[in-house]
Amino acid sequence: MHRYRIPSTSPMVPFDDGLELSASGVAANVETLLAIGVDGIGFGFSEPWHLSFEERKRAISLHVEAVAGRAVCYVHATDHSVRNTVALLRHAQEAGADAAMVWVPYEFAKSQQMAIEWFE
């Protein structure tokens, strides 16, 4: 049987029956991904737009804690607000993430110049 390496993936954030972020669910997702051989585990590629700002910060912390240095742990930290993006980047750094990804929010990506201005 061949074992293929999976460079990285960003699992969805699980919730419990009370609609709270599930720390045990995050840990279970991370363990499953490590068992199949991912080299990197991220958080926040698709569902952040459905989480509150505080839930996003909590999810970042839960993911970094669950990965515990066993793979590269990265965070997608983009927000529609520049202030919130910077705060998420700082939180990811404080939590111990290995890397953070920032992309231009879709409403600012109408031209290359607008994308540059967003980062500036």
PDB file of N, CA and C in Angstrom:
ATOM      1  N   MET A   1       0.845  -1.178   0.000  1.00  0.00           N
ATOM      2  CA  MET A   1       0.000   0.000   0.000  1.00  0.00           C
ATOM      3  C   MET A   1       0.885   1.233   0.000  1.00  0.00           C
ATOM      4  N   HIS A   2       0.564   2.183  -0.857  1.00  0.00           N
ATOM      5  CA  HIS A   2       1.311   3.439  -0.922  1.00  0.00           C
ATOM      6  C   HIS A   2       0.783   4.403   0.123  1.00  0.00           C
ATOM      7  N   ARG A   3       1.675   5.115   0.731  1.00  0.00           N
ATOM      8  CA  ARG A   3       1.281   6.172   1.662  1.00  0.00           C
ATOM      9  C   ARG A   3       1.671   7.496   1.035  1.00  0.00           C
ATOM     10  N   TYR A   4       0.691   8.269   0.689  1.00  0.00           N
ATOM     11  CA  TYR A   4       0.922   9.550   0.060  1.00  0.00           C
ATOM     12  C   TYR A   4       0.960  10.641   1.115  1.00  0.00           C
ATOM     13  N   ARG A   5       1.867  11.565   0.944  1.00  0.00           N
ATOM     14  CA  ARG A   5       1.934  12.711   1.848  1.00  0.00           C
ATOM     15  C   ARG A   5       0.969  13.777   1.348  1.00  0.00           C
ATOM     16  N   ILE A   6       0.275  14.369   2.262  1.00  0.00           N
ATOM     17  CA  ILE A   6      -0.653  15.440   1.961  1.00  0.00           C
ATOM     18  C   ILE A   6      -0.013  16.713   2.496  1.00  0.00           C
ATOM     19  N   PRO A   7       0.290  17.665   1.618  1.00  0.00           N
ATOM     20  CA  PRO A   7       1.019  18.855   2.090  1.00  0.00           C
ATOM     21  C   PRO A   7       0.331  19.559   3.261  1.00  0.00           C
ATOM     22  N   SER A   8      -0.923  19.922   3.097  1.00  0.00           N
ATOM     23  CA  SER A   8      -1.618  20.590   4.189  1.00  0.00           C
ATOM     24  C   SER A   8      -3.111  20.635   3.903  1.00  0.00           C
ATOM     25  N   THR A   9      -3.862  20.895   4.948  1.00  0.00           N
ATOM     26  CA  THR A   9      -5.301  21.022   4.811  1.00  0.00           C
ATOM     27  C   THR A   9      -5.836  21.889   5.939  1.00  0.00           C
ATOM     28  N   SER A  10      -7.018  22.420   5.736  1.00  0.00           N
ATOM     29  CA  SER A  10      -7.673  23.247   6.751  1.00  0.00           C
ATOM     30  C   SER A  10      -9.026  22.619   7.084  1.00  0.00           C
ATOM     31  N   PRO A  11      -9.098  21.908   8.200  1.00  0.00           N
ATOM     32  CA  PRO A  11     -10.369  21.282   8.564  1.00  0.00           C
ATOM     33  C   PRO A  11     -11.400  22.318   9.030  1.00  0.00           C
ATOM     34  N   MET A  12     -12.646  21.956   8.922  1.00  0.00           N
ATOM     35  CA  MET A  12     -13.721  22.821   9.404  1.00  0.00           C
ATOM     36  C   MET A  12     -13.718  22.813  10.938  1.00  0.00           C
ATOM     37  N   VAL A  13     -14.308  23.831  11.524  1.00  0.00           N
ATOM     38  CA  VAL A  13     -14.393  23.934  12.973  1.00  0.00           C
ATOM     39  C   VAL A  13     -15.661  23.225  13.444  1.00  0.00           C
ATOM     40  N   PRO A  14     -15.526  22.250  14.332  1.00  0.00           N
ATOM     41  CA  PRO A  14     -16.707  21.551  14.835  1.00  0.00           C
ATOM     42  C   PRO A  14     -17.356  22.295  16.009  1.00  0.00           C
ATOM     43  N   PHE A  15     -18.648  22.120  16.119  1.00  0.00           N
ATOM     44  CA  PHE A  15     -19.419  22.698  17.215  1.00  0.00           C
ATOM     45  C   PHE A  15     -20.097  21.593  17.989  1.00  0.00           C
ATOM     46  N   ASP A  16     -20.371  21.835  19.263  1.00  0.00           N
ATOM     47  CA  ASP A  16     -21.097  20.848  20.060  1.00  0.00           C
ATOM     48  C   ASP A  16     -22.602  21.101  19.930  1.00  0.00           C
ATOM     49  N   ASP A  17     -23.381  20.311  20.635  1.00  0.00           N
ATOM     50  CA  ASP A  17     -24.845  20.434  20.554  1.00  0.00           C
ATOM     51  C   ASP A  17     -25.357  21.781  21.053  1.00  0.00           C
ATOM     52  N   GLY A  18     -24.567  22.464  21.877  1.00  0.00           N
ATOM     53  CA  GLY A  18     -24.948  23.777  22.380  1.00  0.00           C
ATOM     54  C   GLY A  18     -24.459  24.911  21.489  1.00  0.00           C
ATOM     55  N   LEU A  19     -23.948  24.560  20.299  1.00  0.00           N
ATOM     56  CA  LEU A  19     -23.436  25.517  19.311  1.00  0.00           C
ATOM     57  C   LEU A  19     -22.205  26.285  19.788  1.00  0.00           C
ATOM     58  N   GLU A  20     -21.422  25.646  20.644  1.00  0.00           N
ATOM     59  CA  GLU A  20     -20.141  26.197  21.090  1.00  0.00           C
ATOM     60  C   GLU A  20     -19.024  25.474  20.347  1.00  0.00           C
ATOM     61  N   LEU A  21     -17.893  26.165  20.152  1.00  0.00           N
ATOM     62  CA  LEU A  21     -16.744  25.501  19.546  1.00  0.00           C
ATOM     63  C   LEU A  21     -16.378  24.275  20.375  1.00  0.00           C
ATOM     64  N   SER A  22     -16.111  23.179  19.707  1.00  0.00           N
ATOM     65  CA  SER A  22     -15.809  21.932  20.391  1.00  0.00           C
ATOM     66  C   SER A  22     -14.304  21.679  20.412  1.00  0.00           C
ATOM     67  N   ALA A  23     -13.699  21.864  21.578  1.00  0.00           N
ATOM     68  CA  ALA A  23     -12.261  21.605  21.709  1.00  0.00           C
ATOM     69  C   ALA A  23     -11.958  20.134  21.424  1.00  0.00           C
ATOM     70  N   SER A  24     -12.797  19.228  21.895  1.00  0.00           N
ATOM     71  CA  SER A  24     -12.563  17.808  21.639  1.00  0.00           C
ATOM     72  C   SER A  24     -12.745  17.485  20.163  1.00  0.00           C
ATOM     73  N   GLY A  25     -13.655  18.181  19.500  1.00  0.00           N
ATOM     74  CA  GLY A  25     -13.846  17.992  18.064  1.00  0.00           C
ATOM     75  C   GLY A  25     -12.646  18.474  17.267  1.00  0.00           C
ATOM     76  N   VAL A  26     -12.097  19.616  17.658  1.00  0.00           N
ATOM     77  CA  VAL A  26     -10.885  20.128  16.998  1.00  0.00           C
ATOM     78  C   VAL A  26      -9.762  19.117  17.181  1.00  0.00           C
ATOM     79  N   ALA A  27      -9.577  18.648  18.402  1.00  0.00           N
ATOM     80  CA  ALA A  27      -8.509  17.680  18.685  1.00  0.00           C
ATOM     81  C   ALA A  27      -8.697  16.407  17.868  1.00  0.00           C
ATOM     82  N   ALA A  28      -9.930  15.924  17.761  1.00  0.00           N
ATOM     83  CA  ALA A  28     -10.207  14.711  16.977  1.00  0.00           C
ATOM     84  C   ALA A  28      -9.896  14.942  15.497  1.00  0.00           C
ATOM     85  N   ASN A  29     -10.273  16.107  14.967  1.00  0.00           N
ATOM     86  CA  ASN A  29      -9.962  16.413  13.565  1.00  0.00           C
ATOM     87  C   ASN A  29      -8.456  16.433  13.330  1.00  0.00           C
ATOM     88  N   VAL A  30      -7.730  17.064  14.236  1.00  0.00           N
ATOM     89  CA  VAL A  30      -6.279  17.147  14.100  1.00  0.00           C
ATOM     90  C   VAL A  30      -5.663  15.751  14.149  1.00  0.00           C
ATOM     91  N   GLU A  31      -6.091  14.933  15.086  1.00  0.00           N
ATOM     92  CA  GLU A  31      -5.542  13.575  15.192  1.00  0.00           C
ATOM     93  C   GLU A  31      -5.803  12.771  13.926  1.00  0.00           C
ATOM     94  N   THR A  32      -6.988  12.900  13.360  1.00  0.00           N
ATOM     95  CA  THR A  32      -7.318  12.193  12.123  1.00  0.00           C
ATOM     96  C   THR A  32      -6.409  12.641  10.991  1.00  0.00           C
ATOM     97  N   LEU A  33      -6.200  13.938  10.871  1.00  0.00           N
ATOM     98  CA  LEU A  33      -5.356  14.455   9.799  1.00  0.00           C
ATOM     99  C   LEU A  33      -3.903  14.042   9.967  1.00  0.00           C
ATOM    100  N   LEU A  34      -3.416  14.060  11.190  1.00  0.00           N
ATOM    101  CA  LEU A  34      -2.042  13.609  11.426  1.00  0.00           C
ATOM    102  C   LEU A  34      -1.901  12.119  11.103  1.00  0.00           C
ATOM    103  N   ALA A  35      -2.918  11.336  11.423  1.00  0.00           N
ATOM    104  CA  ALA A  35      -2.875   9.898  11.160  1.00  0.00           C
ATOM    105  C   ALA A  35      -2.830   9.579   9.666  1.00  0.00           C
ATOM    106  N   ILE A  36      -3.420  10.443   8.842  1.00  0.00           N
ATOM    107  CA  ILE A  36      -3.372  10.177   7.404  1.00  0.00           C
ATOM    108  C   ILE A  36      -2.160  10.811   6.734  1.00  0.00           C
ATOM    109  N   GLY A  37      -1.368  11.541   7.497  1.00  0.00           N
ATOM    110  CA  GLY A  37      -0.087  11.999   6.999  1.00  0.00           C
ATOM    111  C   GLY A  37       0.005  13.414   6.476  1.00  0.00           C
ATOM    112  N   VAL A  38      -0.779  14.330   6.992  1.00  0.00           N
ATOM    113  CA  VAL A  38      -0.626  15.720   6.536  1.00  0.00           C
ATOM    114  C   VAL A  38       0.650  16.322   7.114  1.00  0.00           C
ATOM    115  N   ASP A  39       1.235  17.220   6.364  1.00  0.00           N
ATOM    116  CA  ASP A  39       2.435  17.914   6.805  1.00  0.00           C
ATOM    117  C   ASP A  39       2.121  19.254   7.454  1.00  0.00           C
ATOM    118  N   GLY A  40       0.906  19.756   7.197  1.00  0.00           N
ATOM    119  CA  GLY A  40       0.514  21.041   7.747  1.00  0.00           C
ATOM    120  C   GLY A  40      -0.983  21.070   8.002  1.00  0.00           C
ATOM    121  N   ILE A  41      -1.359  21.717   9.075  1.00  0.00           N
ATOM    122  CA  ILE A  41      -2.772  21.839   9.430  1.00  0.00           C
ATOM    123  C   ILE A  41      -3.065  23.305   9.688  1.00  0.00           C
ATOM    124  N   GLY A  42      -4.077  23.791   9.019  1.00  0.00           N
ATOM    125  CA  GLY A  42      -4.429  25.190   9.151  1.00  0.00           C
ATOM    126  C   GLY A  42      -5.789  25.372   9.772  1.00  0.00           C
ATOM    127  N   PHE A  43      -6.132  26.604   9.960  1.00  0.00           N
ATOM    128  CA  PHE A  43      -7.461  26.955  10.425  1.00  0.00           C
ATOM    129  C   PHE A  43      -7.909  28.193   9.676  1.00  0.00           C
ATOM    130  N   GLY A  44      -9.173  28.202   9.357  1.00  0.00           N
ATOM    131  CA  GLY A  44      -9.798  29.440   8.952  1.00  0.00           C
ATOM    132  C   GLY A  44      -9.905  29.731   7.484  1.00  0.00           C
ATOM    133  N   PHE A  45      -9.966  28.715   6.645  1.00  0.00           N
ATOM    134  CA  PHE A  45     -10.058  29.009   5.223  1.00  0.00           C
ATOM    135  C   PHE A  45     -11.475  29.333   4.761  1.00  0.00           C
ATOM    136  N   SER A  46     -12.475  28.651   5.269  1.00  0.00           N
ATOM    137  CA  SER A  46     -13.822  28.883   4.744  1.00  0.00           C
ATOM    138  C   SER A  46     -14.826  29.368   5.777  1.00  0.00           C
ATOM    139  N   GLU A  47     -14.790  28.829   6.965  1.00  0.00           N
ATOM    140  CA  GLU A  47     -15.839  29.158   7.930  1.00  0.00           C
ATOM    141  C   GLU A  47     -15.654  30.433   8.738  1.00  0.00           C
ATOM    142  N   PRO A  48     -14.526  31.118   8.694  1.00  0.00           N
ATOM    143  CA  PRO A  48     -14.391  32.311   9.534  1.00  0.00           C
ATOM    144  C   PRO A  48     -15.497  33.333   9.336  1.00  0.00           C
ATOM    145  N   TRP A  49     -16.042  33.412   8.155  1.00  0.00           N
ATOM    146  CA  TRP A  49     -17.073  34.415   7.894  1.00  0.00           C
ATOM    147  C   TRP A  49     -18.355  34.078   8.637  1.00  0.00           C
ATOM    148  N   HIS A  50     -18.423  32.897   9.230  1.00  0.00           N
ATOM    149  CA  HIS A  50     -19.610  32.485   9.977  1.00  0.00           C
ATOM    150  C   HIS A  50     -19.364  32.466  11.479  1.00  0.00           C
ATOM    151  N   LEU A  51     -18.164  32.846  11.881  1.00  0.00           N
ATOM    152  CA  LEU A  51     -17.800  32.862  13.295  1.00  0.00           C
ATOM    153  C   LEU A  51     -17.684  34.301  13.777  1.00  0.00           C
ATOM    154  N   SER A  52     -17.935  34.492  15.062  1.00  0.00           N
ATOM    155  CA  SER A  52     -17.668  35.806  15.641  1.00  0.00           C
ATOM    156  C   SER A  52     -16.153  35.990  15.723  1.00  0.00           C
ATOM    157  N   PHE A  53     -15.724  37.208  15.946  1.00  0.00           N
ATOM    158  CA  PHE A  53     -14.297  37.479  16.077  1.00  0.00           C
ATOM    159  C   PHE A  53     -13.704  36.684  17.232  1.00  0.00           C
ATOM    160  N   GLU A  54     -14.393  36.645  18.353  1.00  0.00           N
ATOM    161  CA  GLU A  54     -13.897  35.894  19.514  1.00  0.00           C
ATOM    162  C   GLU A  54     -13.859  34.401  19.231  1.00  0.00           C
ATOM    163  N   GLU A  55     -14.838  33.879  18.488  1.00  0.00           N
ATOM    164  CA  GLU A  55     -14.811  32.459  18.116  1.00  0.00           C
ATOM    165  C   GLU A  55     -13.614  32.169  17.212  1.00  0.00           C
ATOM    166  N   ARG A  56     -13.289  33.080  16.324  1.00  0.00           N
ATOM    167  CA  ARG A  56     -12.123  32.883  15.459  1.00  0.00           C
ATOM    168  C   ARG A  56     -10.846  32.805  16.286  1.00  0.00           C
ATOM    169  N   LYS A  57     -10.702  33.696  17.249  1.00  0.00           N
ATOM    170  CA  LYS A  57      -9.520  33.667  18.101  1.00  0.00           C
ATOM    171  C   LYS A  57      -9.464  32.368  18.894  1.00  0.00           C
ATOM    172  N   ARG A  58     -10.583  31.944  19.435  1.00  0.00           N
ATOM    173  CA  ARG A  58     -10.630  30.689  20.198  1.00  0.00           C
ATOM    174  C   ARG A  58     -10.270  29.503  19.306  1.00  0.00           C
ATOM    175  N   ALA A  59     -10.804  29.486  18.091  1.00  0.00           N
ATOM    176  CA  ALA A  59     -10.506  28.390  17.167  1.00  0.00           C
ATOM    177  C   ALA A  59      -9.025  28.358  16.803  1.00  0.00           C
ATOM    178  N   ILE A  60      -8.424  29.524  16.620  1.00  0.00           N
ATOM    179  CA  ILE A  60      -6.980  29.581  16.356  1.00  0.00           C
ATOM    180  C   ILE A  60      -6.230  28.917  17.508  1.00  0.00           C
ATOM    181  N   SER A  61      -6.548  29.306  18.726  1.00  0.00           N
ATOM    182  CA  SER A  61      -5.869  28.741  19.896  1.00  0.00           C
ATOM    183  C   SER A  61      -6.075  27.240  19.998  1.00  0.00           C
ATOM    184  N   LEU A  62      -7.306  26.781  19.770  1.00  0.00           N
ATOM    185  CA  LEU A  62      -7.597  25.346  19.842  1.00  0.00           C
ATOM    186  C   LEU A  62      -6.801  24.560  18.811  1.00  0.00           C
ATOM    187  N   HIS A  63      -6.713  25.083  17.587  1.00  0.00           N
ATOM    188  CA  HIS A  63      -5.968  24.380  16.541  1.00  0.00           C
ATOM    189  C   HIS A  63      -4.475  24.315  16.852  1.00  0.00           C
ATOM    190  N   VAL A  64      -3.907  25.424  17.270  1.00  0.00           N
ATOM    191  CA  VAL A  64      -2.476  25.433  17.582  1.00  0.00           C
ATOM    192  C   VAL A  64      -2.197  24.470  18.736  1.00  0.00           C
ATOM    193  N   GLU A  65      -3.032  24.502  19.744  1.00  0.00           N
ATOM    194  CA  GLU A  65      -2.861  23.609  20.895  1.00  0.00           C
ATOM    195  C   GLU A  65      -2.976  22.144  20.477  1.00  0.00           C
ATOM    196  N   ALA A  66      -3.937  21.830  19.627  1.00  0.00           N
ATOM    197  CA  ALA A  66      -4.145  20.435  19.216  1.00  0.00           C
ATOM    198  C   ALA A  66      -3.001  19.933  18.330  1.00  0.00           C
ATOM    199  N   VAL A  67      -2.486  20.776  17.458  1.00  0.00           N
ATOM    200  CA  VAL A  67      -1.380  20.360  16.583  1.00  0.00           C
ATOM    201  C   VAL A  67      -0.113  20.127  17.407  1.00  0.00           C
ATOM    202  N   ALA A  68       0.114  20.971  18.387  1.00  0.00           N
ATOM    203  CA  ALA A  68       1.206  20.804  19.355  1.00  0.00           C
ATOM    204  C   ALA A  68       2.561  20.534  18.712  1.00  0.00           C
ATOM    205  N   GLY A  69       2.863  21.231  17.625  1.00  0.00           N
ATOM    206  CA  GLY A  69       4.179  21.105  17.013  1.00  0.00           C
ATOM    207  C   GLY A  69       4.404  19.849  16.199  1.00  0.00           C
ATOM    208  N   ARG A  70       3.377  19.030  16.013  1.00  0.00           N
ATOM    209  CA  ARG A  70       3.557  17.767  15.277  1.00  0.00           C
ATOM    210  C   ARG A  70       3.440  17.930  13.768  1.00  0.00           C
ATOM    211  N   ALA A  71       3.056  19.092  13.330  1.00  0.00           N
ATOM    212  CA  ALA A  71       2.981  19.450  11.905  1.00  0.00           C
ATOM    213  C   ALA A  71       3.073  20.969  11.856  1.00  0.00           C
ATOM    214  N   VAL A  72       3.269  21.502  10.679  1.00  0.00           N
ATOM    215  CA  VAL A  72       3.223  22.953  10.533  1.00  0.00           C
ATOM    216  C   VAL A  72       1.792  23.390  10.829  1.00  0.00           C
ATOM    217  N   CYS A  73       1.648  24.388  11.663  1.00  0.00           N
ATOM    218  CA  CYS A  73       0.327  24.896  12.025  1.00  0.00           C
ATOM    219  C   CYS A  73       0.213  26.329  11.519  1.00  0.00           C
ATOM    220  N   TYR A  74      -0.744  26.538  10.617  1.00  0.00           N
ATOM    221  CA  TYR A  74      -0.899  27.871  10.045  1.00  0.00           C
ATOM    222  C   TYR A  74      -2.331  28.355  10.203  1.00  0.00           C
ATOM    223  N   VAL A  75      -2.490  29.647  10.061  1.00  0.00           N
ATOM    224  CA  VAL A  75      -3.775  30.292  10.284  1.00  0.00           C
ATOM    225  C   VAL A  75      -4.077  31.209   9.110  1.00  0.00           C
ATOM    226  N   HIS A  76      -5.287  31.134   8.612  1.00  0.00           N
ATOM    227  CA  HIS A  76      -5.776  32.111   7.646  1.00  0.00           C
ATOM    228  C   HIS A  76      -6.325  33.262   8.488  1.00  0.00           C
ATOM    229  N   ALA A  77      -5.738  34.437   8.360  1.00  0.00           N
ATOM    230  CA  ALA A  77      -6.067  35.525   9.280  1.00  0.00           C
ATOM    231  C   ALA A  77      -6.737  36.722   8.618  1.00  0.00           C
ATOM    232  N   THR A  78      -7.239  36.562   7.427  1.00  0.00           N
ATOM    233  CA  THR A  78      -7.861  37.690   6.743  1.00  0.00           C
ATOM    234  C   THR A  78      -9.221  38.022   7.344  1.00  0.00           C
ATOM    235  N   ASP A  79      -9.498  39.280   7.426  1.00  0.00           N
ATOM    236  CA  ASP A  79     -10.804  39.770   7.833  1.00  0.00           C
ATOM    237  C   ASP A  79     -11.137  40.940   6.919  1.00  0.00           C
ATOM    238  N   HIS A  80     -12.389  41.306   6.828  1.00  0.00           N
ATOM    239  CA  HIS A  80     -12.768  42.462   6.019  1.00  0.00           C
ATOM    240  C   HIS A  80     -12.218  43.750   6.640  1.00  0.00           C
ATOM    241  N   SER A  81     -11.955  43.709   7.917  1.00  0.00           N
ATOM    242  CA  SER A  81     -11.394  44.845   8.643  1.00  0.00           C
ATOM    243  C   SER A  81      -9.884  44.676   8.755  1.00  0.00           C
ATOM    244  N   VAL A  82      -9.143  45.701   8.366  1.00  0.00           N
ATOM    245  CA  VAL A  82      -7.689  45.656   8.518  1.00  0.00           C
ATOM    246  C   VAL A  82      -7.320  45.523   9.994  1.00  0.00           C
ATOM    247  N   ARG A  83      -8.010  46.270  10.857  1.00  0.00           N
ATOM    248  CA  ARG A  83      -7.737  46.205  12.298  1.00  0.00           C
ATOM    249  C   ARG A  83      -7.918  44.773  12.817  1.00  0.00           C
ATOM    250  N   ASN A  84      -8.990  44.103  12.402  1.00  0.00           N
ATOM    251  CA  ASN A  84      -9.215  42.729  12.842  1.00  0.00           C
ATOM    252  C   ASN A  84      -8.190  41.771  12.249  1.00  0.00           C
ATOM    253  N   THR A  85      -7.770  42.013  11.012  1.00  0.00           N
ATOM    254  CA  THR A  85      -6.739  41.167  10.403  1.00  0.00           C
ATOM    255  C   THR A  85      -5.455  41.251  11.220  1.00  0.00           C
ATOM    256  N   VAL A  86      -5.057  42.455  11.569  1.00  0.00           N
ATOM    257  CA  VAL A  86      -3.837  42.632  12.372  1.00  0.00           C
ATOM    258  C   VAL A  86      -4.009  41.959  13.736  1.00  0.00           C
ATOM    259  N   ALA A  87      -5.176  42.109  14.352  1.00  0.00           N
ATOM    260  CA  ALA A  87      -5.420  41.475  15.656  1.00  0.00           C
ATOM    261  C   ALA A  87      -5.370  39.949  15.542  1.00  0.00           C
ATOM    262  N   LEU A  88      -5.908  39.394  14.468  1.00  0.00           N
ATOM    263  CA  LEU A  88      -5.849  37.940  14.274  1.00  0.00           C
ATOM    264  C   LEU A  88      -4.417  37.477  14.043  1.00  0.00           C
ATOM    265  N   LEU A  89      -3.647  38.249  13.303  1.00  0.00           N
ATOM    266  CA  LEU A  89      -2.239  37.903  13.106  1.00  0.00           C
ATOM    267  C   LEU A  89      -1.482  37.914  14.424  1.00  0.00           C
ATOM    268  N   ARG A  90      -1.721  38.910  15.229  1.00  0.00           N
ATOM    269  CA  ARG A  90      -1.053  38.977  16.544  1.00  0.00           C
ATOM    270  C   ARG A  90      -1.487  37.816  17.428  1.00  0.00           C
ATOM    271  N   HIS A  91      -2.778  37.493  17.391  1.00  0.00           N
ATOM    272  CA  HIS A  91      -3.263  36.374  18.210  1.00  0.00           C
ATOM    273  C   HIS A  91      -2.633  35.064  17.740  1.00  0.00           C
ATOM    274  N   ALA A  92      -2.538  34.869  16.437  1.00  0.00           N
ATOM    275  CA  ALA A  92      -1.917  33.654  15.907  1.00  0.00           C
ATOM    276  C   ALA A  92      -0.470  33.540  16.362  1.00  0.00           C
ATOM    277  N   GLN A  93       0.241  34.654  16.348  1.00  0.00           N
ATOM    278  CA  GLN A  93       1.628  34.658  16.804  1.00  0.00           C
ATOM    279  C   GLN A  93       1.705  34.317  18.292  1.00  0.00           C
ATOM    280  N   GLU A  94       0.866  34.950  19.093  1.00  0.00           N
ATOM    281  CA  GLU A  94       0.857  34.690  20.539  1.00  0.00           C
ATOM    282  C   GLU A  94       0.465  33.248  20.847  1.00  0.00           C
ATOM    283  N   ALA A  95      -0.429  32.677  20.045  1.00  0.00           N
ATOM    284  CA  ALA A  95      -0.868  31.298  20.268  1.00  0.00           C
ATOM    285  C   ALA A  95       0.203  30.295  19.877  1.00  0.00           C
ATOM    286  N   GLY A  96       1.157  30.728  19.041  1.00  0.00           N
ATOM    287  CA  GLY A  96       2.247  29.841  18.640  1.00  0.00           C
ATOM    288  C   GLY A  96       2.111  29.247  17.255  1.00  0.00           C
ATOM    289  N   ALA A  97       1.270  29.819  16.403  1.00  0.00           N
ATOM    290  CA  ALA A  97       1.155  29.335  15.030  1.00  0.00           C
ATOM    291  C   ALA A  97       2.495  29.494  14.320  1.00  0.00           C
ATOM    292  N   ASP A  98       2.785  28.571  13.420  1.00  0.00           N
ATOM    293  CA  ASP A  98       4.037  28.626  12.671  1.00  0.00           C
ATOM    294  C   ASP A  98       3.996  29.648  11.542  1.00  0.00           C
ATOM    295  N   ALA A  99       2.818  29.880  11.015  1.00  0.00           N
ATOM    296  CA  ALA A  99       2.679  30.795   9.879  1.00  0.00           C
ATOM    297  C   ALA A  99       1.256  31.331   9.835  1.00  0.00           C
ATOM    298  N   ALA A 100       1.097  32.402   9.104  1.00  0.00           N
ATOM    299  CA  ALA A 100      -0.235  32.965   8.893  1.00  0.00           C
ATOM    300  C   ALA A 100      -0.371  33.337   7.426  1.00  0.00           C
ATOM    301  N   MET A 101      -1.566  33.149   6.926  1.00  0.00           N
ATOM    302  CA  MET A 101      -1.852  33.505   5.538  1.00  0.00           C
ATOM    303  C   MET A 101      -2.813  34.686   5.538  1.00  0.00           C
ATOM    304  N   VAL A 102      -2.519  35.651   4.698  1.00  0.00           N
ATOM    305  CA  VAL A 102      -3.387  36.816   4.554  1.00  0.00           C
ATOM    306  C   VAL A 102      -3.629  37.000   3.069  1.00  0.00           C
ATOM    307  N   TRP A 103      -4.864  37.158   2.709  1.00  0.00           N
ATOM    308  CA  TRP A 103      -5.199  37.455   1.332  1.00  0.00           C
ATOM    309  C   TRP A 103      -6.124  38.661   1.316  1.00  0.00           C
ATOM    310  N   VAL A 104      -6.285  39.240   0.181  1.00  0.00           N
ATOM    311  CA  VAL A 104      -7.114  40.428   0.048  1.00  0.00           C
ATOM    312  C   VAL A 104      -8.583  40.014   0.113  1.00  0.00           C
ATOM    313  N   PRO A 105      -9.376  40.634   0.987  1.00  0.00           N
ATOM    314  CA  PRO A 105     -10.799  40.324   0.998  1.00  0.00           C
ATOM    315  C   PRO A 105     -11.410  40.586  -0.381  1.00  0.00           C
ATOM    316  N   TYR A 106     -12.366  39.762  -0.748  1.00  0.00           N
ATOM    317  CA  TYR A 106     -12.891  39.811  -2.116  1.00  0.00           C
ATOM    318  C   TYR A 106     -13.395  41.186  -2.536  1.00  0.00           C
ATOM    319  N   GLU A 107     -13.925  41.974  -1.619  1.00  0.00           N
ATOM    320  CA  GLU A 107     -14.436  43.275  -2.036  1.00  0.00           C
ATOM    321  C   GLU A 107     -13.330  44.263  -2.381  1.00  0.00           C
ATOM    322  N   PHE A 108     -12.090  43.977  -1.977  1.00  0.00           N
ATOM    323  CA  PHE A 108     -10.964  44.848  -2.308  1.00  0.00           C
ATOM    324  C   PHE A 108     -10.152  44.311  -3.481  1.00  0.00           C
ATOM    325  N   ALA A 109     -10.514  43.178  -4.004  1.00  0.00           N
ATOM    326  CA  ALA A 109      -9.722  42.532  -5.055  1.00  0.00           C
ATOM    327  C   ALA A 109     -10.236  42.867  -6.455  1.00  0.00           C
ATOM    328  N   LYS A 110     -10.837  44.002  -6.621  1.00  0.00           N
ATOM    329  CA  LYS A 110     -11.407  44.375  -7.919  1.00  0.00           C
ATOM    330  C   LYS A 110     -10.333  44.792  -8.924  1.00  0.00           C
ATOM    331  N   SER A 111      -9.192  45.172  -8.432  1.00  0.00           N
ATOM    332  CA  SER A 111      -8.072  45.505  -9.312  1.00  0.00           C
ATOM    333  C   SER A 111      -6.780  45.256  -8.540  1.00  0.00           C
ATOM    334  N   GLN A 112      -5.699  45.148  -9.284  1.00  0.00           N
ATOM    335  CA  GLN A 112      -4.411  44.937  -8.636  1.00  0.00           C
ATOM    336  C   GLN A 112      -4.064  46.133  -7.753  1.00  0.00           C
ATOM    337  N   GLN A 113      -4.380  47.336  -8.201  1.00  0.00           N
ATOM    338  CA  GLN A 113      -4.090  48.523  -7.412  1.00  0.00           C
ATOM    339  C   GLN A 113      -4.881  48.521  -6.102  1.00  0.00           C
ATOM    340  N   MET A 114      -6.144  48.106  -6.154  1.00  0.00           N
ATOM    341  CA  MET A 114      -6.946  48.045  -4.924  1.00  0.00           C
ATOM    342  C   MET A 114      -6.361  47.021  -3.945  1.00  0.00           C
ATOM    343  N   ALA A 115      -5.864  45.902  -4.470  1.00  0.00           N
ATOM    344  CA  ALA A 115      -5.244  44.888  -3.607  1.00  0.00           C
ATOM    345  C   ALA A 115      -3.998  45.463  -2.929  1.00  0.00           C
ATOM    346  N   ILE A 116      -3.191  46.172  -3.688  1.00  0.00           N
ATOM    347  CA  ILE A 116      -1.987  46.798  -3.131  1.00  0.00           C
ATOM    348  C   ILE A 116      -2.364  47.788  -2.036  1.00  0.00           C
ATOM    349  N   GLU A 117      -3.379  48.596  -2.298  1.00  0.00           N
ATOM    350  CA  GLU A 117      -3.824  49.598  -1.329  1.00  0.00           C
ATOM    351  C   GLU A 117      -4.326  48.944  -0.044  1.00  0.00           C
ATOM    352  N   TRP A 118      -4.995  47.800  -0.158  1.00  0.00           N
ATOM    353  CA  TRP A 118      -5.481  47.118   1.051  1.00  0.00           C
ATOM    354  C   TRP A 118      -4.297  46.720   1.935  1.00  0.00           C
ATOM    355  N   PHE A 119      -3.245  46.165   1.333  1.00  0.00           N
ATOM    356  CA  PHE A 119      -2.086  45.765   2.125  1.00  0.00           C
ATOM    357  C   PHE A 119      -1.323  46.965   2.681  1.00  0.00           C
ATOM    358  N   GLU A 120      -1.289  48.039   1.935  1.00  0.00           N
ATOM    359  CA  GLU A 120      -0.590  49.220   2.429  1.00  0.00           C
ATOM    360  C   GLU A 120      -1.316  49.793   3.623  1.00  0.00           C
TER     361      GLU A 120
END
